[in-house]
Amino acid sequence: LTSSLVAESHNDPNLLQALQQIQQLNVDNHQPFENQDVNQWMQILD
């Protein structure tokens, strides 16, 4: 999902940054995300 959404080149820099953060943390760390990070991303996605 993140790869696809990043490739679609949306104009929102906050969305792009959030997607890249999600993607990077997901690749680097196969453990659940921190709730603080998830809440921040949710605000941006919403």
All heavy atoms as atom14 arrays in JSON, in Angstrom:
{
  "sequence": "LTSSLVAESHNDPNLLQALQQIQQLNVDNHQPFENQDVNQWMQILD",
  "atom14_mask": [
    [1, 1, 1, 1, 1, 1, 1, 1, 0, 0, 0, 0, 0, 0],
    [1, 1, 1, 1, 1, 1, 1, 0, 0, 0, 0, 0, 0, 0],
    [1, 1, 1, 1, 1, 1, 0, 0, 0, 0, 0, 0, 0, 0],
    [1, 1, 1, 1, 1, 1, 0, 0, 0, 0, 0, 0, 0, 0],
    [1, 1, 1, 1, 1, 1, 1, 1, 0, 0, 0, 0, 0, 0],
    [1, 1, 1, 1, 1, 1, 1, 0, 0, 0, 0, 0, 0, 0],
    [1, 1, 1, 1, 1, 0, 0, 0, 0, 0, 0, 0, 0, 0],
    [1, 1, 1, 1, 1, 1, 1, 1, 1, 0, 0, 0, 0, 0],
    [1, 1, 1, 1, 1, 1, 0, 0, 0, 0, 0, 0, 0, 0],
    [1, 1, 1, 1, 1, 1, 1, 1, 1, 1, 0, 0, 0, 0],
    [1, 1, 1, 1, 1, 1, 1, 1, 0, 0, 0, 0, 0, 0],
    [1, 1, 1, 1, 1, 1, 1, 1, 0, 0, 0, 0, 0, 0],
    [1, 1, 1, 1, 1, 1, 1, 0, 0, 0, 0, 0, 0, 0],
    [1, 1, 1, 1, 1, 1, 1, 1, 0, 0, 0, 0, 0, 0],
    [1, 1, 1, 1, 1, 1, 1, 1, 0, 0, 0, 0, 0, 0],
    [1, 1, 1, 1, 1, 1, 1, 1, 0, 0, 0, 0, 0, 0],
    [1, 1, 1, 1, 1, 1, 1, 1, 1, 0, 0, 0, 0, 0],
    [1, 1, 1, 1, 1, 0, 0, 0, 0, 0, 0, 0, 0, 0],
    [1, 1, 1, 1, 1, 1, 1, 1, 0, 0, 0, 0, 0, 0],
    [1, 1, 1, 1, 1, 1, 1, 1, 1, 0, 0, 0, 0, 0],
    [1, 1, 1, 1, 1, 1, 1, 1, 1, 0, 0, 0, 0, 0],
    [1, 1, 1, 1, 1, 1, 1, 1, 0, 0, 0, 0, 0, 0],
    [1, 1, 1, 1, 1, 1, 1, 1, 1, 0, 0, 0, 0, 0],
    [1, 1, 1, 1, 1, 1, 1, 1, 1, 0, 0, 0, 0, 0],
    [1, 1, 1, 1, 1, 1, 1, 1, 0, 0, 0, 0, 0, 0],
    [1, 1, 1, 1, 1, 1, 1, 1, 0, 0, 0, 0, 0, 0],
    [1, 1, 1, 1, 1, 1, 1, 0, 0, 0, 0, 0, 0, 0],
    [1, 1, 1, 1, 1, 1, 1, 1, 0, 0, 0, 0, 0, 0],
    [1, 1, 1, 1, 1, 1, 1, 1, 0, 0, 0, 0, 0, 0],
    [1, 1, 1, 1, 1, 1, 1, 1, 1, 1, 0, 0, 0, 0],
    [1, 1, 1, 1, 1, 1, 1, 1, 1, 0, 0, 0, 0, 0],
    [1, 1, 1, 1, 1, 1, 1, 0, 0, 0, 0, 0, 0, 0],
    [1, 1, 1, 1, 1, 1, 1, 1, 1, 1, 1, 0, 0, 0],
    [1, 1, 1, 1, 1, 1, 1, 1, 1, 0, 0, 0, 0, 0],
    [1, 1, 1, 1, 1, 1, 1, 1, 0, 0, 0, 0, 0, 0],
    [1, 1, 1, 1, 1, 1, 1, 1, 1, 0, 0, 0, 0, 0],
    [1, 1, 1, 1, 1, 1, 1, 1, 0, 0, 0, 0, 0, 0],
    [1, 1, 1, 1, 1, 1, 1, 0, 0, 0, 0, 0, 0, 0],
    [1, 1, 1, 1, 1, 1, 1, 1, 0, 0, 0, 0, 0, 0],
    [1, 1, 1, 1, 1, 1, 1, 1, 1, 0, 0, 0, 0, 0],
    [1, 1, 1, 1, 1, 1, 1, 1, 1, 1, 1, 1, 1, 1],
    [1, 1, 1, 1, 1, 1, 1, 1, 0, 0, 0, 0, 0, 0],
    [1, 1, 1, 1, 1, 1, 1, 1, 1, 0, 0, 0, 0, 0],
    [1, 1, 1, 1, 1, 1, 1, 1, 0, 0, 0, 0, 0, 0],
    [1, 1, 1, 1, 1, 1, 1, 1, 0, 0, 0, 0, 0, 0],
    [1, 1, 1, 1, 1, 1, 1, 1, 0, 0, 0, 0, 0, 0]
  ],
  "atom14_positions": [
    [[0.82, -1.22, 0.0], [0.0, 0.0, 0.0], [0.85, 1.26, 0.0], [0.61, 2.19, -0.78], [-0.94, 0.01, 1.21], [-2.09, -0.98, 1.18], [-2.74, -1.08, 2.55], [-3.11, -0.6, 0.12], [0.0, 0.0, 0.0], [0.0, 0.0, 0.0], [0.0, 0.0, 0.0], [0.0, 0.0, 0.0], [0.0, 0.0, 0.0], [0.0, 0.0, 0.0]],
    [[1.85, 1.31, 0.88], [2.68, 2.52, 0.95], [3.48, 2.7, -0.33], [3.58, 3.83, -0.83], [3.6, 2.51, 2.18], [4.38, 1.32, 2.2], [2.81, 2.64, 3.47], [0.0, 0.0, 0.0], [0.0, 0.0, 0.0], [0.0, 0.0, 0.0], [0.0, 0.0, 0.0], [0.0, 0.0, 0.0], [0.0, 0.0, 0.0], [0.0, 0.0, 0.0]],
    [[4.01, 1.62, -0.87], [4.76, 1.73, -2.13], [3.88, 2.26, -3.25], [4.29, 3.13, -4.02], [5.33, 0.37, -2.53], [6.3, -0.04, -1.62], [0.0, 0.0, 0.0], [0.0, 0.0, 0.0], [0.0, 0.0, 0.0], [0.0, 0.0, 0.0], [0.0, 0.0, 0.0], [0.0, 0.0, 0.0], [0.0, 0.0, 0.0], [0.0, 0.0, 0.0]],
    [[2.69, 1.73, -3.34], [1.76, 2.16, -4.37], [1.36, 3.62, -4.21], [1.35, 4.39, -5.17], [0.53, 1.26, -4.35], [-0.42, 1.7, -5.28], [0.0, 0.0, 0.0], [0.0, 0.0, 0.0], [0.0, 0.0, 0.0], [0.0, 0.0, 0.0], [0.0, 0.0, 0.0], [0.0, 0.0, 0.0], [0.0, 0.0, 0.0], [0.0, 0.0, 0.0]],
    [[1.03, 4.0, -2.99], [0.61, 5.38, -2.74], [1.75, 6.37, -2.96], [1.53, 7.45, -3.5], [0.03, 5.51, -1.33], [-1.34, 4.87, -1.14], [-1.65, 4.69, 0.35], [-2.42, 5.7, -1.82], [0.0, 0.0, 0.0], [0.0, 0.0, 0.0], [0.0, 0.0, 0.0], [0.0, 0.0, 0.0], [0.0, 0.0, 0.0], [0.0, 0.0, 0.0]],
    [[2.96, 6.01, -2.56], [4.11, 6.89, -2.81], [4.33, 7.04, -4.31], [4.57, 8.14, -4.81], [5.38, 6.36, -2.1], [6.62, 7.04, -2.62], [5.26, 6.53, -0.59], [0.0, 0.0, 0.0], [0.0, 0.0, 0.0], [0.0, 0.0, 0.0], [0.0, 0.0, 0.0], [0.0, 0.0, 0.0], [0.0, 0.0, 0.0], [0.0, 0.0, 0.0]],
    [[4.21, 5.95, -5.05], [4.43, 5.98, -6.51], [3.38, 6.81, -7.24], [3.64, 7.3, -8.34], [4.45, 4.56, -7.05], [0.0, 0.0, 0.0], [0.0, 0.0, 0.0], [0.0, 0.0, 0.0], [0.0, 0.0, 0.0], [0.0, 0.0, 0.0], [0.0, 0.0, 0.0], [0.0, 0.0, 0.0], [0.0, 0.0, 0.0], [0.0, 0.0, 0.0]],
    [[2.21, 6.96, -6.63], [1.15, 7.73, -7.28], [1.37, 9.23, -7.19], [0.59, 10.02, -7.72], [-0.21, 7.34, -6.7], [-0.61, 5.94, -7.09], [-1.84, 5.42, -6.38], [-2.46, 6.16, -5.59], [-2.18, 4.25, -6.6], [0.0, 0.0, 0.0], [0.0, 0.0, 0.0], [0.0, 0.0, 0.0], [0.0, 0.0, 0.0], [0.0, 0.0, 0.0]],
    [[2.43, 9.64, -6.52], [2.88, 11.03, -6.48], [1.78, 12.03, -6.12], [1.44, 12.91, -6.88], [3.49, 11.44, -7.83], [4.53, 10.59, -8.18], [0.0, 0.0, 0.0], [0.0, 0.0, 0.0], [0.0, 0.0, 0.0], [0.0, 0.0, 0.0], [0.0, 0.0, 0.0], [0.0, 0.0, 0.0], [0.0, 0.0, 0.0], [0.0, 0.0, 0.0]],
    [[1.24, 11.89, -4.93], [0.24, 12.84, -4.45], [0.89, 14.18, -4.15], [2.07, 14.26, -3.83], [-0.46, 12.3, -3.21], [-1.22, 11.04, -3.49], [-2.4, 11.02, -4.19], [-0.93, 9.75, -3.22], [-2.81, 9.79, -4.32], [-1.94, 8.99, -3.74], [0.0, 0.0, 0.0], [0.0, 0.0, 0.0], [0.0, 0.0, 0.0], [0.0, 0.0, 0.0]],
    [[0.11, 15.23, -4.25], [0.63, 16.58, -4.06], [0.83, 16.96, -2.6], [1.46, 17.95, -2.31], [-0.31, 17.61, -4.7], [-0.38, 17.45, -6.2], [0.61, 17.06, -6.83], [-1.52, 17.74, -6.79], [0.0, 0.0, 0.0], [0.0, 0.0, 0.0], [0.0, 0.0, 0.0], [0.0, 0.0, 0.0], [0.0, 0.0, 0.0], [0.0, 0.0, 0.0]],
    [[0.31, 16.18, -1.68], [0.37, 16.51, -0.26], [1.7, 16.06, 0.33], [1.93, 14.86, 0.5], [-0.8, 15.85, 0.47], [-0.91, 16.25, 1.92], [0.09, 16.72, 2.49], [-2.01, 16.1, 2.47], [0.0, 0.0, 0.0], [0.0, 0.0, 0.0], [0.0, 0.0, 0.0], [0.0, 0.0, 0.0], [0.0, 0.0, 0.0], [0.0, 0.0, 0.0]],
    [[2.6, 17.0, 0.66], [3.91, 16.61, 1.2], [3.8, 15.92, 2.57], [4.63, 15.08, 2.9], [4.68, 17.93, 1.3], [3.65, 19.0, 1.26], [2.46, 18.44, 0.53], [0.0, 0.0, 0.0], [0.0, 0.0, 0.0], [0.0, 0.0, 0.0], [0.0, 0.0, 0.0], [0.0, 0.0, 0.0], [0.0, 0.0, 0.0], [0.0, 0.0, 0.0]],
    [[2.78, 16.27, 3.36], [2.6, 15.62, 4.65], [2.24, 14.15, 4.48], [2.72, 13.28, 5.21], [1.53, 16.32, 5.48], [1.95, 17.69, 5.93], [3.12, 17.94, 6.19], [1.0, 18.6, 5.99], [0.0, 0.0, 0.0], [0.0, 0.0, 0.0], [0.0, 0.0, 0.0], [0.0, 0.0, 0.0], [0.0, 0.0, 0.0], [0.0, 0.0, 0.0]],
    [[1.39, 13.87, 3.49], [1.01, 12.49, 3.2], [2.23, 11.71, 2.73], [2.49, 10.6, 3.21], [-0.09, 12.42, 2.15], [-0.46, 11.01, 1.66], [-0.98, 10.15, 2.8], [-1.48, 11.1, 0.54], [0.0, 0.0, 0.0], [0.0, 0.0, 0.0], [0.0, 0.0, 0.0], [0.0, 0.0, 0.0], [0.0, 0.0, 0.0], [0.0, 0.0, 0.0]],
    [[2.99, 12.27, 1.82], [4.18, 11.6, 1.3], [5.15, 11.29, 2.43], [5.69, 10.18, 2.52], [4.84, 12.45, 0.22], [6.06, 11.85, -0.46], [5.72, 10.52, -1.14], [6.66, 12.81, -1.46], [0.0, 0.0, 0.0], [0.0, 0.0, 0.0], [0.0, 0.0, 0.0], [0.0, 0.0, 0.0], [0.0, 0.0, 0.0], [0.0, 0.0, 0.0]],
    [[5.38, 12.24, 3.3], [6.29, 12.05, 4.42], [5.78, 10.95, 5.36], [6.54, 10.08, 5.79], [6.49, 13.35, 5.2], [7.47, 13.2, 6.35], [7.68, 14.51, 7.09], [6.91, 15.46, 6.94], [8.71, 14.56, 7.89], [0.0, 0.0, 0.0], [0.0, 0.0, 0.0], [0.0, 0.0, 0.0], [0.0, 0.0, 0.0], [0.0, 0.0, 0.0]],
    [[4.49, 10.96, 5.67], [3.91, 9.94, 6.55], [4.03, 8.56, 5.92], [4.41, 7.59, 6.59], [2.46, 10.27, 6.85], [0.0, 0.0, 0.0], [0.0, 0.0, 0.0], [0.0, 0.0, 0.0], [0.0, 0.0, 0.0], [0.0, 0.0, 0.0], [0.0, 0.0, 0.0], [0.0, 0.0, 0.0], [0.0, 0.0, 0.0], [0.0, 0.0, 0.0]],
    [[3.73, 8.45, 4.63], [3.83, 7.16, 3.95], [5.26, 6.64, 3.95], [5.5, 5.44, 4.16], [3.32, 7.28, 2.51], [1.84, 7.53, 2.34], [1.51, 7.87, 0.89], [1.02, 6.34, 2.82], [0.0, 0.0, 0.0], [0.0, 0.0, 0.0], [0.0, 0.0, 0.0], [0.0, 0.0, 0.0], [0.0, 0.0, 0.0], [0.0, 0.0, 0.0]],
    [[6.22, 7.53, 3.74], [7.61, 7.12, 3.75], [8.05, 6.69, 5.15], [8.81, 5.72, 5.28], [8.5, 8.25, 3.22], [8.33, 8.46, 1.74], [9.01, 9.72, 1.22], [9.24, 10.68, 1.95], [9.34, 9.71, -0.06], [0.0, 0.0, 0.0], [0.0, 0.0, 0.0], [0.0, 0.0, 0.0], [0.0, 0.0, 0.0], [0.0, 0.0, 0.0]],
    [[7.57, 7.36, 6.18], [7.88, 6.97, 7.56], [7.3, 5.59, 7.87], [7.98, 4.74, 8.45], [7.33, 7.98, 8.56], [8.08, 9.26, 8.63], [7.42, 10.24, 9.58], [6.21, 10.24, 9.76], [8.23, 11.09, 10.19], [0.0, 0.0, 0.0], [0.0, 0.0, 0.0], [0.0, 0.0, 0.0], [0.0, 0.0, 0.0], [0.0, 0.0, 0.0]],
    [[6.05, 5.39, 7.5], [5.41, 4.09, 7.73], [6.19, 3.0, 7.01], [6.5, 1.96, 7.59], [3.94, 4.11, 7.24], [3.1, 5.08, 8.07], [3.34, 2.71, 7.28], [1.75, 5.41, 7.46], [0.0, 0.0, 0.0], [0.0, 0.0, 0.0], [0.0, 0.0, 0.0], [0.0, 0.0, 0.0], [0.0, 0.0, 0.0], [0.0, 0.0, 0.0]],
    [[6.51, 3.26, 5.77], [7.23, 2.28, 4.96], [8.59, 1.96, 5.58], [8.96, 0.78, 5.71], [7.39, 2.84, 3.55], [7.82, 1.85, 2.52], [7.77, 2.45, 1.14], [8.15, 3.61, 0.94], [7.3, 1.69, 0.18], [0.0, 0.0, 0.0], [0.0, 0.0, 0.0], [0.0, 0.0, 0.0], [0.0, 0.0, 0.0], [0.0, 0.0, 0.0]],
    [[9.33, 2.97, 5.97], [10.66, 2.76, 6.53], [10.62, 1.99, 7.84], [11.37, 1.04, 8.05], [11.38, 4.1, 6.74], [12.83, 3.95, 7.13], [13.66, 3.28, 6.05], [13.53, 3.58, 4.87], [14.51, 2.35, 6.44], [0.0, 0.0, 0.0], [0.0, 0.0, 0.0], [0.0, 0.0, 0.0], [0.0, 0.0, 0.0], [0.0, 0.0, 0.0]],
    [[9.72, 2.38, 8.73], [9.61, 1.68, 10.0], [9.12, 0.25, 9.82], [9.53, -0.66, 10.54], [8.68, 2.43, 10.95], [9.26, 3.69, 11.58], [8.19, 4.42, 12.39], [10.46, 3.38, 12.46], [0.0, 0.0, 0.0], [0.0, 0.0, 0.0], [0.0, 0.0, 0.0], [0.0, 0.0, 0.0], [0.0, 0.0, 0.0], [0.0, 0.0, 0.0]],
    [[8.26, 0.05, 8.86], [7.74, -1.29, 8.59], [8.85, -2.21, 8.08], [8.93, -3.37, 8.47], [6.6, -1.21, 7.57], [5.79, -2.48, 7.51], [5.35, -2.99, 8.53], [5.57, -2.97, 6.33], [0.0, 0.0, 0.0], [0.0, 0.0, 0.0], [0.0, 0.0, 0.0], [0.0, 0.0, 0.0], [0.0, 0.0, 0.0], [0.0, 0.0, 0.0]],
    [[9.72, -1.69, 7.24], [10.82, -2.48, 6.69], [11.89, -2.74, 7.75], [12.42, -3.84, 7.85], [11.43, -1.76, 5.46], [12.73, -2.42, 5.04], [10.45, -1.75, 4.3], [0.0, 0.0, 0.0], [0.0, 0.0, 0.0], [0.0, 0.0, 0.0], [0.0, 0.0, 0.0], [0.0, 0.0, 0.0], [0.0, 0.0, 0.0], [0.0, 0.0, 0.0]],
    [[12.19, -1.71, 8.54], [13.28, -1.81, 9.51], [12.93, -2.57, 10.78], [13.8, -3.07, 11.46], [13.76, -0.41, 9.91], [14.49, 0.3, 8.78], [14.86, -0.37, 7.79], [14.67, 1.52, 8.87], [0.0, 0.0, 0.0], [0.0, 0.0, 0.0], [0.0, 0.0, 0.0], [0.0, 0.0, 0.0], [0.0, 0.0, 0.0], [0.0, 0.0, 0.0]],
    [[11.66, -2.62, 11.11], [11.28, -3.11, 12.43], [9.99, -3.92, 12.33], [8.92, -3.35, 12.26], [11.09, -1.91, 13.37], [10.79, -2.32, 14.78], [11.0, -3.46, 15.17], [10.29, -1.39, 15.55], [0.0, 0.0, 0.0], [0.0, 0.0, 0.0], [0.0, 0.0, 0.0], [0.0, 0.0, 0.0], [0.0, 0.0, 0.0], [0.0, 0.0, 0.0]],
    [[10.09, -5.22, 12.35], [8.9, -6.07, 12.24], [8.25, -6.29, 13.59], [8.0, -7.41, 14.02], [9.25, -7.41, 11.59], [9.53, -7.29, 10.14], [8.54, -7.07, 9.21], [10.69, -7.32, 9.43], [9.07, -7.0, 8.01], [10.37, -7.14, 8.12], [0.0, 0.0, 0.0], [0.0, 0.0, 0.0], [0.0, 0.0, 0.0], [0.0, 0.0, 0.0]],
    [[7.96, -5.18, 14.25], [7.22, -5.19, 15.5], [6.13, -4.15, 15.37], [6.19, -3.28, 14.5], [8.15, -4.85, 16.67], [9.24, -5.9, 16.87], [10.11, -5.57, 18.06], [9.76, -4.76, 18.91], [11.26, -6.2, 18.12], [0.0, 0.0, 0.0], [0.0, 0.0, 0.0], [0.0, 0.0, 0.0], [0.0, 0.0, 0.0], [0.0, 0.0, 0.0]],
    [[5.13, -4.2, 16.23], [4.06, -3.21, 16.14], [4.6, -1.77, 16.24], [5.59, -1.52, 16.91], [3.17, -3.54, 17.34], [3.44, -4.97, 17.64], [4.89, -5.18, 17.29], [0.0, 0.0, 0.0], [0.0, 0.0, 0.0], [0.0, 0.0, 0.0], [0.0, 0.0, 0.0], [0.0, 0.0, 0.0], [0.0, 0.0, 0.0], [0.0, 0.0, 0.0]],
    [[3.94, -0.88, 15.53], [4.32, 0.52, 15.58], [3.97, 1.11, 16.93], [3.06, 0.65, 17.62], [3.55, 1.32, 14.5], [3.86, 0.88, 13.09], [2.84, 0.43, 12.28], [5.14, 0.94, 12.58], [3.1, 0.04, 10.97], [5.4, 0.55, 11.28], [4.38, 0.11, 10.47], [0.0, 0.0, 0.0], [0.0, 0.0, 0.0], [0.0, 0.0, 0.0]],
    [[4.67, 2.16, 17.29], [4.36, 2.89, 18.52], [3.02, 3.61, 18.34], [2.75, 4.17, 17.28], [5.45, 3.93, 18.82], [6.83, 3.34, 19.08], [6.91, 2.63, 20.41], [6.2, 3.04, 21.36], [7.68, 1.65, 20.5], [0.0, 0.0, 0.0], [0.0, 0.0, 0.0], [0.0, 0.0, 0.0], [0.0, 0.0, 0.0], [0.0, 0.0, 0.0]],
    [[2.19, 3.58, 19.38], [0.88, 4.24, 19.29], [1.0, 5.72, 18.96], [0.16, 6.26, 18.24], [0.1, 4.05, 20.59], [-0.55, 2.69, 20.66], [-0.76, 2.03, 19.65], [-0.88, 2.26, 21.86], [0.0, 0.0, 0.0], [0.0, 0.0, 0.0], [0.0, 0.0, 0.0], [0.0, 0.0, 0.0], [0.0, 0.0, 0.0], [0.0, 0.0, 0.0]],
    [[2.01, 6.37, 19.48], [2.22, 7.79, 19.19], [2.42, 8.02, 17.69], [1.85, 8.94, 17.11], [3.42, 8.32, 19.97], [3.74, 9.77, 19.73], [4.97, 10.22, 20.5], [5.51, 9.49, 21.32], [5.4, 11.43, 20.26], [0.0, 0.0, 0.0], [0.0, 0.0, 0.0], [0.0, 0.0, 0.0], [0.0, 0.0, 0.0], [0.0, 0.0, 0.0]],
    [[3.22, 7.16, 17.07], [3.43, 7.27, 15.62], [2.14, 7.01, 14.86], [1.79, 7.75, 13.93], [4.5, 6.27, 15.16], [5.89, 6.61, 15.65], [6.18, 7.8, 15.89], [6.7, 5.68, 15.8], [0.0, 0.0, 0.0], [0.0, 0.0, 0.0], [0.0, 0.0, 0.0], [0.0, 0.0, 0.0], [0.0, 0.0, 0.0], [0.0, 0.0, 0.0]],
    [[1.43, 5.95, 15.26], [0.17, 5.61, 14.59], [-0.82, 6.76, 14.69], [-1.46, 7.13, 13.7], [-0.44, 4.3, 15.15], [-1.83, 4.05, 14.57], [0.48, 3.12, 14.87], [0.0, 0.0, 0.0], [0.0, 0.0, 0.0], [0.0, 0.0, 0.0], [0.0, 0.0, 0.0], [0.0, 0.0, 0.0], [0.0, 0.0, 0.0], [0.0, 0.0, 0.0]],
    [[-0.95, 7.35, 15.86], [-1.88, 8.48, 16.04], [-1.51, 9.65, 15.15], [-2.39, 10.29, 14.55], [-1.92, 8.91, 17.51], [-2.59, 7.88, 18.39], [-3.4, 7.08, 17.94], [-2.26, 7.9, 19.67], [0.0, 0.0, 0.0], [0.0, 0.0, 0.0], [0.0, 0.0, 0.0], [0.0, 0.0, 0.0], [0.0, 0.0, 0.0], [0.0, 0.0, 0.0]],
    [[-0.23, 9.93, 15.05], [0.23, 11.03, 14.19], [-0.09, 10.73, 12.73], [-0.6, 11.59, 12.0], [1.73, 11.24, 14.37], [2.31, 12.34, 13.51], [3.82, 12.46, 13.68], [4.44, 11.76, 14.47], [4.4, 13.34, 12.92], [0.0, 0.0, 0.0], [0.0, 0.0, 0.0], [0.0, 0.0, 0.0], [0.0, 0.0, 0.0], [0.0, 0.0, 0.0]],
    [[0.18, 9.51, 12.29], [-0.11, 9.13, 10.9], [-1.61, 9.17, 10.63], [-2.03, 9.6, 9.56], [0.43, 7.75, 10.59], [1.92, 7.62, 10.72], [2.86, 8.59, 10.51], [2.64, 6.45, 11.1], [4.11, 8.09, 10.74], [4.01, 6.77, 11.1], [2.27, 5.16, 11.44], [5.0, 5.86, 11.42], [3.25, 4.24, 11.76], [4.6, 4.59, 11.75]],
    [[-2.39, 8.71, 11.6], [-3.85, 8.7, 11.42], [-4.38, 10.11, 11.2], [-5.28, 10.32, 10.38], [-4.53, 8.05, 12.62], [-4.21, 6.58, 12.82], [-4.58, 5.55, 11.4], [-6.32, 5.78, 11.32], [0.0, 0.0, 0.0], [0.0, 0.0, 0.0], [0.0, 0.0, 0.0], [0.0, 0.0, 0.0], [0.0, 0.0, 0.0], [0.0, 0.0, 0.0]],
    [[-3.85, 11.07, 11.93], [-4.29, 12.46, 11.74], [-3.99, 12.92, 10.32], [-4.82, 13.57, 9.68], [-3.59, 13.39, 12.74], [-4.12, 13.27, 14.14], [-3.41, 14.22, 15.1], [-2.25, 14.56, 14.9], [-4.12, 14.64, 16.13], [0.0, 0.0, 0.0], [0.0, 0.0, 0.0], [0.0, 0.0, 0.0], [0.0, 0.0, 0.0], [0.0, 0.0, 0.0]],
    [[-2.81, 12.59, 9.83], [-2.45, 12.99, 8.48], [-3.32, 12.27, 7.44], [-3.86, 12.91, 6.52], [-0.96, 12.71, 8.21], [-0.1, 13.62, 9.11], [-0.61, 12.9, 6.74], [1.37, 13.26, 9.15], [0.0, 0.0, 0.0], [0.0, 0.0, 0.0], [0.0, 0.0, 0.0], [0.0, 0.0, 0.0], [0.0, 0.0, 0.0], [0.0, 0.0, 0.0]],
    [[-3.48, 10.96, 7.6], [-4.3, 10.2, 6.65], [-5.75, 10.67, 6.65], [-6.38, 10.79, 5.6], [-4.23, 8.71, 6.95], [-2.85, 8.04, 6.8], [-2.91, 6.59, 7.24], [-2.32, 8.15, 5.39], [0.0, 0.0, 0.0], [0.0, 0.0, 0.0], [0.0, 0.0, 0.0], [0.0, 0.0, 0.0], [0.0, 0.0, 0.0], [0.0, 0.0, 0.0]],
    [[-6.29, 10.94, 7.84], [-7.68, 11.38, 7.95], [-7.9, 12.77, 7.35], [-8.99, 13.08, 6.89], [-8.14, 11.37, 9.41], [-8.33, 9.97, 9.96], [-8.42, 9.02, 9.17], [-8.36, 9.84, 11.2], [0.0, 0.0, 0.0], [0.0, 0.0, 0.0], [0.0, 0.0, 0.0], [0.0, 0.0, 0.0], [0.0, 0.0, 0.0], [0.0, 0.0, 0.0]]
  ]
}
